[in-house]
Amino acid sequence: MDQALAVGAALGAAGVVGVGMALEHRGAGQARPRSTVHPGLLADLLRSPAWRAGWVLTLAGYGLQAVAFAAGRLVVVEPLLCVALVVALG
């Protein structure tokens, strides 16, 4: 039972983190072009609904990762989290 929970939480985390990263990237692409150290860049990102939604989804995904690691073994959970990259690229 714990193994099934770990696999489900890991795949859920990968999906949520992947979508969150894609939304953050989209929101960052819509920000005004500035230097990466410009203080206004963070303000622009915080005004972007896509970036904020991506940030919240990424945090939720990290919570699911914590559930997966608590329920399962590292050797099972960690490879499944790599699916996030596939989701983000899609």
N, C-alpha and C. Protein backbone atom coordinates (compact mmCIF):
# COMPACT_ATOMS: atom_id res chain seq x y z
N MET A 1 0.82 -1.20 0.00
CA MET A 1 0.00 0.00 0.00
C MET A 1 0.86 1.26 0.00
N ASP A 2 1.89 1.27 0.84
CA ASP A 2 2.76 2.45 0.87
C ASP A 2 3.48 2.65 -0.45
N GLN A 3 3.84 1.55 -1.11
CA GLN A 3 4.53 1.66 -2.39
C GLN A 3 3.62 2.28 -3.44
N ALA A 4 2.34 1.89 -3.45
CA ALA A 4 1.40 2.47 -4.41
C ALA A 4 1.20 3.96 -4.13
N LEU A 5 1.13 4.33 -2.87
CA LEU A 5 1.00 5.74 -2.51
C LEU A 5 2.24 6.51 -2.96
N ALA A 6 3.40 5.93 -2.76
CA ALA A 6 4.64 6.60 -3.16
C ALA A 6 4.70 6.80 -4.67
N VAL A 7 4.34 5.78 -5.43
CA VAL A 7 4.37 5.89 -6.88
C VAL A 7 3.34 6.91 -7.36
N GLY A 8 2.13 6.86 -6.82
CA GLY A 8 1.10 7.81 -7.22
C GLY A 8 1.47 9.25 -6.87
N ALA A 9 2.00 9.45 -5.66
CA ALA A 9 2.39 10.79 -5.25
C ALA A 9 3.57 11.29 -6.08
N ALA A 10 4.50 10.42 -6.42
CA ALA A 10 5.66 10.82 -7.22
C ALA A 10 5.24 11.22 -8.63
N LEU A 11 4.36 10.43 -9.23
CA LEU A 11 3.89 10.77 -10.58
C LEU A 11 3.03 12.04 -10.56
N GLY A 12 2.22 12.18 -9.52
CA GLY A 12 1.43 13.40 -9.38
C GLY A 12 2.33 14.61 -9.20
N ALA A 13 3.36 14.46 -8.37
CA ALA A 13 4.30 15.55 -8.14
C ALA A 13 5.01 15.93 -9.44
N ALA A 14 5.42 14.92 -10.20
CA ALA A 14 6.11 15.19 -11.45
C ALA A 14 5.21 15.95 -12.41
N GLY A 15 3.96 15.56 -12.50
CA GLY A 15 3.03 16.26 -13.38
C GLY A 15 2.78 17.69 -12.94
N VAL A 16 2.55 17.88 -11.66
CA VAL A 16 2.25 19.21 -11.14
C VAL A 16 3.46 20.12 -11.25
N VAL A 17 4.64 19.63 -10.90
CA VAL A 17 5.85 20.43 -11.01
C VAL A 17 6.15 20.77 -12.47
N GLY A 18 5.95 19.81 -13.37
CA GLY A 18 6.19 20.07 -14.79
C GLY A 18 5.29 21.17 -15.34
N VAL A 19 4.02 21.11 -15.00
CA VAL A 19 3.08 22.16 -15.45
C VAL A 19 3.44 23.49 -14.79
N GLY A 20 3.78 23.44 -13.50
CA GLY A 20 4.16 24.67 -12.80
C GLY A 20 5.39 25.33 -13.42
N MET A 21 6.39 24.53 -13.76
CA MET A 21 7.59 25.09 -14.38
C MET A 21 7.28 25.70 -15.73
N ALA A 22 6.41 25.05 -16.50
CA ALA A 22 6.05 25.58 -17.81
C ALA A 22 5.30 26.91 -17.67
N LEU A 23 4.41 27.01 -16.69
CA LEU A 23 3.69 28.26 -16.46
C LEU A 23 4.64 29.37 -15.99
N GLU A 24 5.58 29.03 -15.11
CA GLU A 24 6.55 30.02 -14.66
C GLU A 24 7.37 30.53 -15.84
N HIS A 25 7.77 29.63 -16.71
CA HIS A 25 8.55 30.02 -17.88
C HIS A 25 7.73 30.94 -18.79
N ARG A 26 6.46 30.60 -18.99
CA ARG A 26 5.60 31.42 -19.83
C ARG A 26 5.44 32.82 -19.22
N GLY A 27 5.20 32.86 -17.91
CA GLY A 27 5.05 34.16 -17.25
C GLY A 27 6.32 34.98 -17.30
N ALA A 28 7.46 34.35 -17.16
CA ALA A 28 8.73 35.07 -17.23
C ALA A 28 8.99 35.59 -18.64
N GLY A 29 8.54 34.86 -19.63
CA GLY A 29 8.71 35.31 -21.01
C GLY A 29 7.87 36.52 -21.34
N GLN A 30 6.79 36.75 -20.59
CA GLN A 30 5.92 37.89 -20.83
C GLN A 30 6.37 39.13 -20.06
N ALA A 31 7.34 39.00 -19.17
CA ALA A 31 7.83 40.14 -18.40
C ALA A 31 8.65 41.06 -19.31
N ARG A 32 8.73 42.32 -18.91
CA ARG A 32 9.53 43.26 -19.68
C ARG A 32 10.99 42.84 -19.66
N PRO A 33 11.68 42.99 -20.78
CA PRO A 33 13.10 42.63 -20.80
C PRO A 33 13.90 43.54 -19.87
N ARG A 34 14.57 42.94 -18.91
CA ARG A 34 15.40 43.67 -17.96
C ARG A 34 16.60 42.82 -17.61
N SER A 35 17.51 43.43 -16.94
CA SER A 35 18.65 42.69 -16.41
C SER A 35 18.15 41.72 -15.34
N THR A 36 18.79 40.58 -15.21
CA THR A 36 18.34 39.59 -14.23
C THR A 36 18.50 40.07 -12.80
N VAL A 37 19.33 41.08 -12.57
CA VAL A 37 19.51 41.60 -11.22
C VAL A 37 18.69 42.86 -10.98
N HIS A 38 17.87 43.26 -11.94
CA HIS A 38 17.05 44.46 -11.79
C HIS A 38 15.93 44.18 -10.78
N PRO A 39 15.77 45.05 -9.78
CA PRO A 39 14.75 44.79 -8.76
C PRO A 39 13.32 44.80 -9.30
N GLY A 40 13.09 45.46 -10.40
CA GLY A 40 11.75 45.51 -10.99
C GLY A 40 11.34 44.20 -11.64
N LEU A 41 12.29 43.34 -11.92
CA LEU A 41 11.96 42.06 -12.56
C LEU A 41 11.07 41.21 -11.66
N LEU A 42 11.39 41.14 -10.39
CA LEU A 42 10.56 40.37 -9.47
C LEU A 42 9.16 40.97 -9.37
N ALA A 43 9.07 42.29 -9.38
CA ALA A 43 7.75 42.94 -9.35
C ALA A 43 6.95 42.59 -10.60
N ASP A 44 7.61 42.57 -11.75
CA ASP A 44 6.93 42.18 -13.00
C ASP A 44 6.44 40.74 -12.92
N LEU A 45 7.27 39.86 -12.39
CA LEU A 45 6.88 38.45 -12.28
C LEU A 45 5.70 38.27 -11.33
N LEU A 46 5.72 38.99 -10.23
CA LEU A 46 4.62 38.88 -9.27
C LEU A 46 3.30 39.40 -9.82
N ARG A 47 3.35 40.27 -10.81
CA ARG A 47 2.12 40.76 -11.44
C ARG A 47 1.58 39.79 -12.49
N SER A 48 2.38 38.82 -12.89
CA SER A 48 1.98 37.87 -13.93
C SER A 48 1.16 36.74 -13.33
N PRO A 49 -0.11 36.60 -13.73
CA PRO A 49 -0.93 35.49 -13.20
C PRO A 49 -0.37 34.12 -13.55
N ALA A 50 0.20 33.99 -14.74
CA ALA A 50 0.77 32.69 -15.15
C ALA A 50 1.96 32.33 -14.26
N TRP A 51 2.82 33.30 -13.98
CA TRP A 51 3.98 33.02 -13.14
C TRP A 51 3.56 32.67 -11.73
N ARG A 52 2.58 33.39 -11.18
CA ARG A 52 2.11 33.10 -9.82
C ARG A 52 1.46 31.72 -9.76
N ALA A 53 0.66 31.37 -10.76
CA ALA A 53 0.02 30.05 -10.78
C ALA A 53 1.08 28.95 -10.88
N GLY A 54 2.09 29.17 -11.69
CA GLY A 54 3.17 28.20 -11.81
C GLY A 54 3.92 28.03 -10.51
N TRP A 55 4.13 29.13 -9.80
CA TRP A 55 4.83 29.08 -8.52
C TRP A 55 4.04 28.28 -7.50
N VAL A 56 2.72 28.50 -7.46
CA VAL A 56 1.87 27.76 -6.52
C VAL A 56 1.85 26.28 -6.88
N LEU A 57 1.73 25.96 -8.16
CA LEU A 57 1.74 24.55 -8.57
C LEU A 57 3.07 23.88 -8.25
N THR A 58 4.16 24.58 -8.45
CA THR A 58 5.46 24.01 -8.13
C THR A 58 5.57 23.72 -6.64
N LEU A 59 5.11 24.63 -5.80
CA LEU A 59 5.12 24.39 -4.36
C LEU A 59 4.24 23.18 -4.00
N ALA A 60 3.07 23.08 -4.62
CA ALA A 60 2.19 21.93 -4.36
C ALA A 60 2.88 20.63 -4.79
N GLY A 61 3.59 20.69 -5.90
CA GLY A 61 4.33 19.51 -6.37
C GLY A 61 5.41 19.09 -5.40
N TYR A 62 6.07 20.06 -4.80
CA TYR A 62 7.10 19.73 -3.80
C TYR A 62 6.46 19.10 -2.57
N GLY A 63 5.25 19.52 -2.24
CA GLY A 63 4.53 18.87 -1.13
C GLY A 63 4.22 17.42 -1.46
N LEU A 64 3.80 17.16 -2.70
CA LEU A 64 3.55 15.78 -3.12
C LEU A 64 4.85 14.96 -3.12
N GLN A 65 5.95 15.60 -3.46
CA GLN A 65 7.23 14.90 -3.39
C GLN A 65 7.54 14.48 -1.96
N ALA A 66 7.25 15.35 -1.02
CA ALA A 66 7.49 15.00 0.39
C ALA A 66 6.64 13.80 0.80
N VAL A 67 5.40 13.76 0.35
CA VAL A 67 4.53 12.61 0.63
C VAL A 67 5.11 11.35 0.01
N ALA A 68 5.57 11.47 -1.23
CA ALA A 68 6.14 10.30 -1.92
C ALA A 68 7.38 9.79 -1.20
N PHE A 69 8.25 10.70 -0.77
CA PHE A 69 9.46 10.26 -0.07
C PHE A 69 9.15 9.69 1.30
N ALA A 70 8.09 10.18 1.94
CA ALA A 70 7.71 9.65 3.25
C ALA A 70 7.12 8.25 3.12
N ALA A 71 6.45 7.98 2.00
CA ALA A 71 5.76 6.70 1.83
C ALA A 71 6.61 5.65 1.14
N GLY A 72 7.59 6.06 0.37
CA GLY A 72 8.34 5.08 -0.42
C GLY A 72 9.83 5.25 -0.31
N ARG A 73 10.51 4.38 -0.99
CA ARG A 73 11.97 4.38 -0.98
C ARG A 73 12.51 5.34 -2.03
N LEU A 74 13.66 5.91 -1.75
CA LEU A 74 14.30 6.86 -2.66
C LEU A 74 14.54 6.24 -4.03
N VAL A 75 14.94 4.99 -4.07
CA VAL A 75 15.26 4.32 -5.32
C VAL A 75 14.03 4.14 -6.22
N VAL A 76 12.84 4.18 -5.64
CA VAL A 76 11.60 4.07 -6.41
C VAL A 76 11.09 5.44 -6.80
N VAL A 77 11.13 6.38 -5.86
CA VAL A 77 10.50 7.69 -6.06
C VAL A 77 11.31 8.59 -6.98
N GLU A 78 12.60 8.68 -6.78
CA GLU A 78 13.42 9.65 -7.50
C GLU A 78 13.37 9.48 -9.03
N PRO A 79 13.46 8.28 -9.58
CA PRO A 79 13.36 8.18 -11.05
C PRO A 79 12.02 8.64 -11.60
N LEU A 80 10.96 8.46 -10.82
CA LEU A 80 9.65 8.88 -11.29
C LEU A 80 9.52 10.40 -11.33
N LEU A 81 10.26 11.09 -10.48
CA LEU A 81 10.20 12.55 -10.46
C LEU A 81 10.81 13.17 -11.72
N CYS A 82 11.61 12.41 -12.44
CA CYS A 82 12.20 12.91 -13.68
C CYS A 82 11.16 13.11 -14.77
N VAL A 83 9.99 12.55 -14.59
CA VAL A 83 8.90 12.75 -15.55
C VAL A 83 8.52 14.22 -15.63
N ALA A 84 8.82 14.99 -14.58
CA ALA A 84 8.52 16.44 -14.59
C ALA A 84 9.16 17.14 -15.78
N LEU A 85 10.36 16.73 -16.16
CA LEU A 85 11.03 17.34 -17.29
C LEU A 85 10.27 17.07 -18.58
N VAL A 86 9.79 15.86 -18.75
CA VAL A 86 9.02 15.51 -19.94
C VAL A 86 7.73 16.33 -20.00
N VAL A 87 7.07 16.47 -18.85
CA VAL A 87 5.83 17.25 -18.80
C VAL A 87 6.12 18.72 -19.10
N ALA A 88 7.18 19.27 -18.53
CA ALA A 88 7.51 20.68 -18.74
C ALA A 88 7.86 20.97 -20.21
N LEU A 89 8.55 20.03 -20.84
CA LEU A 89 8.91 20.22 -22.23
C LEU A 89 7.71 20.09 -23.17
N GLY A 90 6.74 19.30 -22.73
CA GLY A 90 5.52 19.12 -23.54
C GLY A 90 4.68 20.35 -23.53
